[in-house]
Protein backbone atom coordinates (compact mmCIF):
# COMPACT_ATOMS: atom_id res chain seq x y z
CA UNK A 1 -1.50 -15.41 1.87
CA UNK A 2 -1.98 -15.56 5.64
CA UNK A 3 1.68 -14.67 6.18
CA UNK A 4 1.31 -11.65 3.87
CA UNK A 5 -1.80 -10.53 5.72
CA UNK A 6 -0.23 -11.07 9.13
CA UNK A 7 2.87 -9.11 8.10
CA UNK A 8 0.77 -6.22 6.78
CA UNK A 9 -1.30 -6.16 9.99
CA UNK A 10 1.88 -6.01 12.08
CA UNK A 11 2.33 -2.41 10.85
CA UNK A 12 -1.02 -1.17 12.24
CA UNK A 13 -0.62 2.20 13.96
CA UNK A 14 2.84 2.82 12.47
CA UNK A 15 2.99 6.61 11.96
CA UNK A 16 2.61 8.04 8.47
CA UNK A 17 5.63 9.92 7.14
CA UNK A 18 5.66 11.44 3.66
CA UNK A 19 8.44 9.78 1.68
CA UNK A 20 8.96 7.27 4.49
CA UNK A 21 10.04 3.82 3.40
CA UNK A 22 11.42 2.44 6.65
CA UNK A 23 9.00 1.98 9.54
CA UNK A 24 11.93 1.91 11.97
CA UNK A 25 12.94 5.44 10.96
CA UNK A 26 9.98 7.51 12.05
CA UNK A 27 7.21 6.38 9.74
CA UNK A 28 6.12 5.13 6.36
CA UNK A 29 3.98 6.40 3.50
CA UNK A 30 1.54 4.44 1.34
CA UNK A 31 3.99 3.20 -1.27
CA UNK A 32 6.72 2.58 1.30
CA UNK A 33 4.29 0.40 3.23
CA UNK A 34 3.17 -1.56 0.18
CA UNK A 35 6.76 -2.01 -1.01
CA UNK A 36 7.74 -3.37 2.40
CA UNK A 37 4.87 -5.86 2.42
CA UNK A 38 5.53 -6.98 -1.16
CA UNK A 39 9.25 -7.18 -0.44
CA UNK A 40 8.45 -9.80 2.21
CA UNK A 41 7.21 -12.17 -0.51
CA UNK A 42 9.77 -11.27 -3.17
CA UNK A 43 7.60 -9.16 -5.49
CA UNK A 44 9.61 -5.99 -4.85
CA UNK A 45 13.39 -5.99 -4.71
CA UNK A 46 15.31 -5.03 -1.58
CA UNK A 47 16.63 -1.84 -3.16
CA UNK A 48 13.44 -0.85 -5.01
CA UNK A 49 11.77 2.31 -3.70
CA UNK A 50 8.62 2.64 -5.79
CA UNK A 51 5.93 5.32 -5.77
CA UNK A 52 2.23 4.48 -6.00
CA UNK A 53 2.45 5.24 -9.75
CA UNK A 54 5.52 3.00 -10.11
CA UNK A 55 3.69 0.15 -8.36
CA UNK A 56 0.70 0.56 -10.67
CA UNK A 57 2.95 0.58 -13.73
CA UNK A 58 4.81 -2.51 -12.49
CA UNK A 59 1.75 -4.66 -11.74
CA UNK A 60 -0.74 -3.33 -14.29
CA UNK A 61 1.13 -5.19 -17.04
CA UNK A 62 1.52 -8.43 -15.10
CA UNK A 63 -1.43 -8.90 -12.80
CA UNK A 64 -5.15 -9.65 -12.68
CA UNK A 65 -7.23 -6.50 -13.11
CA UNK A 66 -10.59 -5.69 -11.57
CA UNK A 67 -10.55 -8.37 -8.87
CA UNK A 68 -11.15 -8.16 -5.13
CA UNK A 69 -9.84 -10.06 -2.14
CA UNK A 70 -6.75 -10.55 -0.02
CA UNK A 71 -3.56 -9.34 -1.67
CA UNK A 72 -5.18 -7.11 -4.28
CA UNK A 73 -3.60 -3.67 -4.61
CA UNK A 74 -6.02 -0.73 -4.78
CA UNK A 75 -4.82 2.32 -6.69
CA UNK A 76 -6.28 5.79 -6.23
CA UNK A 77 -5.83 9.06 -8.09
CA UNK A 78 -7.06 11.10 -11.04
CA UNK A 79 -6.29 8.56 -13.78
CA UNK A 80 -4.04 5.61 -14.60
CA UNK A 81 -1.25 8.10 -15.31
CA UNK A 82 -1.83 10.09 -12.10
CA UNK A 83 -1.91 7.48 -9.33
CA UNK A 84 -1.37 9.14 -5.94
CA UNK A 85 -2.21 6.42 -3.38
CA UNK A 86 -1.99 2.64 -2.99
CA UNK A 87 -3.36 0.19 -0.43
CA UNK A 88 -3.63 -3.58 0.10
CA UNK A 89 -6.94 -5.43 0.30
CA UNK A 90 -7.43 -7.63 3.37
CA UNK A 91 -10.66 -9.15 2.04
CA UNK A 92 -13.33 -8.18 -0.50
CA UNK A 93 -14.25 -4.97 1.34
CA UNK A 94 -11.39 -3.77 3.57
CA UNK A 95 -7.96 -2.36 2.89
CA UNK A 96 -4.90 -1.66 4.98
CA UNK A 97 -3.06 1.53 4.10
CA UNK A 98 -0.61 4.11 5.33
CA UNK A 99 -2.92 7.10 5.13
CA UNK A 100 -4.18 10.32 6.60
CA UNK A 101 -1.06 12.33 5.88
CA UNK A 102 0.18 14.40 3.00
CA UNK A 103 3.37 16.02 1.72
CA UNK A 104 3.62 18.11 4.90
CA UNK A 105 3.60 15.08 7.23
CA UNK A 106 7.28 14.58 8.12
CA UNK A 107 7.35 14.06 11.90
CA UNK A 108 5.58 11.80 14.36
CA UNK A 109 3.95 14.92 15.83
CA UNK A 110 2.52 15.80 12.41
CA UNK A 111 1.17 12.28 11.99
CA UNK A 112 -0.33 12.31 15.48
CA UNK A 113 -2.14 15.62 14.87
CA UNK A 114 -3.62 14.28 11.62
CA UNK A 115 -4.33 10.76 12.93
CA UNK A 116 -2.12 9.59 10.05
CA UNK A 117 -0.91 6.00 10.32
CA UNK A 118 -1.19 2.50 8.97
CA UNK A 119 -4.89 1.75 9.39
CA UNK A 120 -7.82 -0.29 8.09
CA UNK A 121 -10.56 1.29 5.98
CA UNK A 122 -13.27 0.23 3.54
CA UNK A 123 -11.81 -0.13 0.03
CA UNK A 124 -14.21 2.46 -1.40
CA UNK A 125 -13.83 5.05 1.40
CA UNK A 126 -12.21 7.40 -1.11
CA UNK A 127 -14.01 8.56 -4.22
CA UNK A 128 -10.98 8.18 -6.48
CA UNK A 129 -10.42 4.41 -6.72
CA UNK A 130 -8.91 3.89 -10.19
CA UNK A 131 -7.92 0.23 -10.33
CA UNK A 132 -7.65 -3.02 -8.38
CA UNK A 133 -4.82 -5.33 -9.42
CA UNK A 134 -3.73 -8.64 -7.95
CA UNK A 135 -0.01 -9.25 -8.47
CA UNK A 136 1.01 -12.71 -9.61
CA UNK A 137 1.92 -14.05 -6.18
CA UNK A 138 2.23 -17.54 -7.66
CA UNK A 139 5.44 -16.47 -9.44
CA UNK A 140 7.13 -16.22 -6.04
CA UNK A 141 5.42 -19.24 -4.49
CA UNK A 142 2.65 -17.40 -2.63
CA UNK A 143 -0.81 -18.58 -3.61
């Protein structure tokens, strides 16, 4: 799990870009960030480009619900069918996320003005935390 955490932390301060799924192409959004981190351990395929809702749907069926700690995915939104944001827990209280932007954040200048980037926050900093799910890392050899 240390390699997963270290990889996630390597993206700190990467600019937020709505729809971004490649940090080397101007930025990354929440689901693009989580997909990249999970791709590094084989839980997301190289060609998969999943939204926050897609990630919830994928891991809700095959993960541990309601847990906390490193590697847990936090899902935010209105309900389990309207997930709008995803982050990764670093420990029992903190998350790392690509956040601060919205659907109008398309350029580095936009991200800079909004202070939108990959950053660390408290897991409950938003009032719309819907679920916490830990993917089955053991299926890919990560414990």
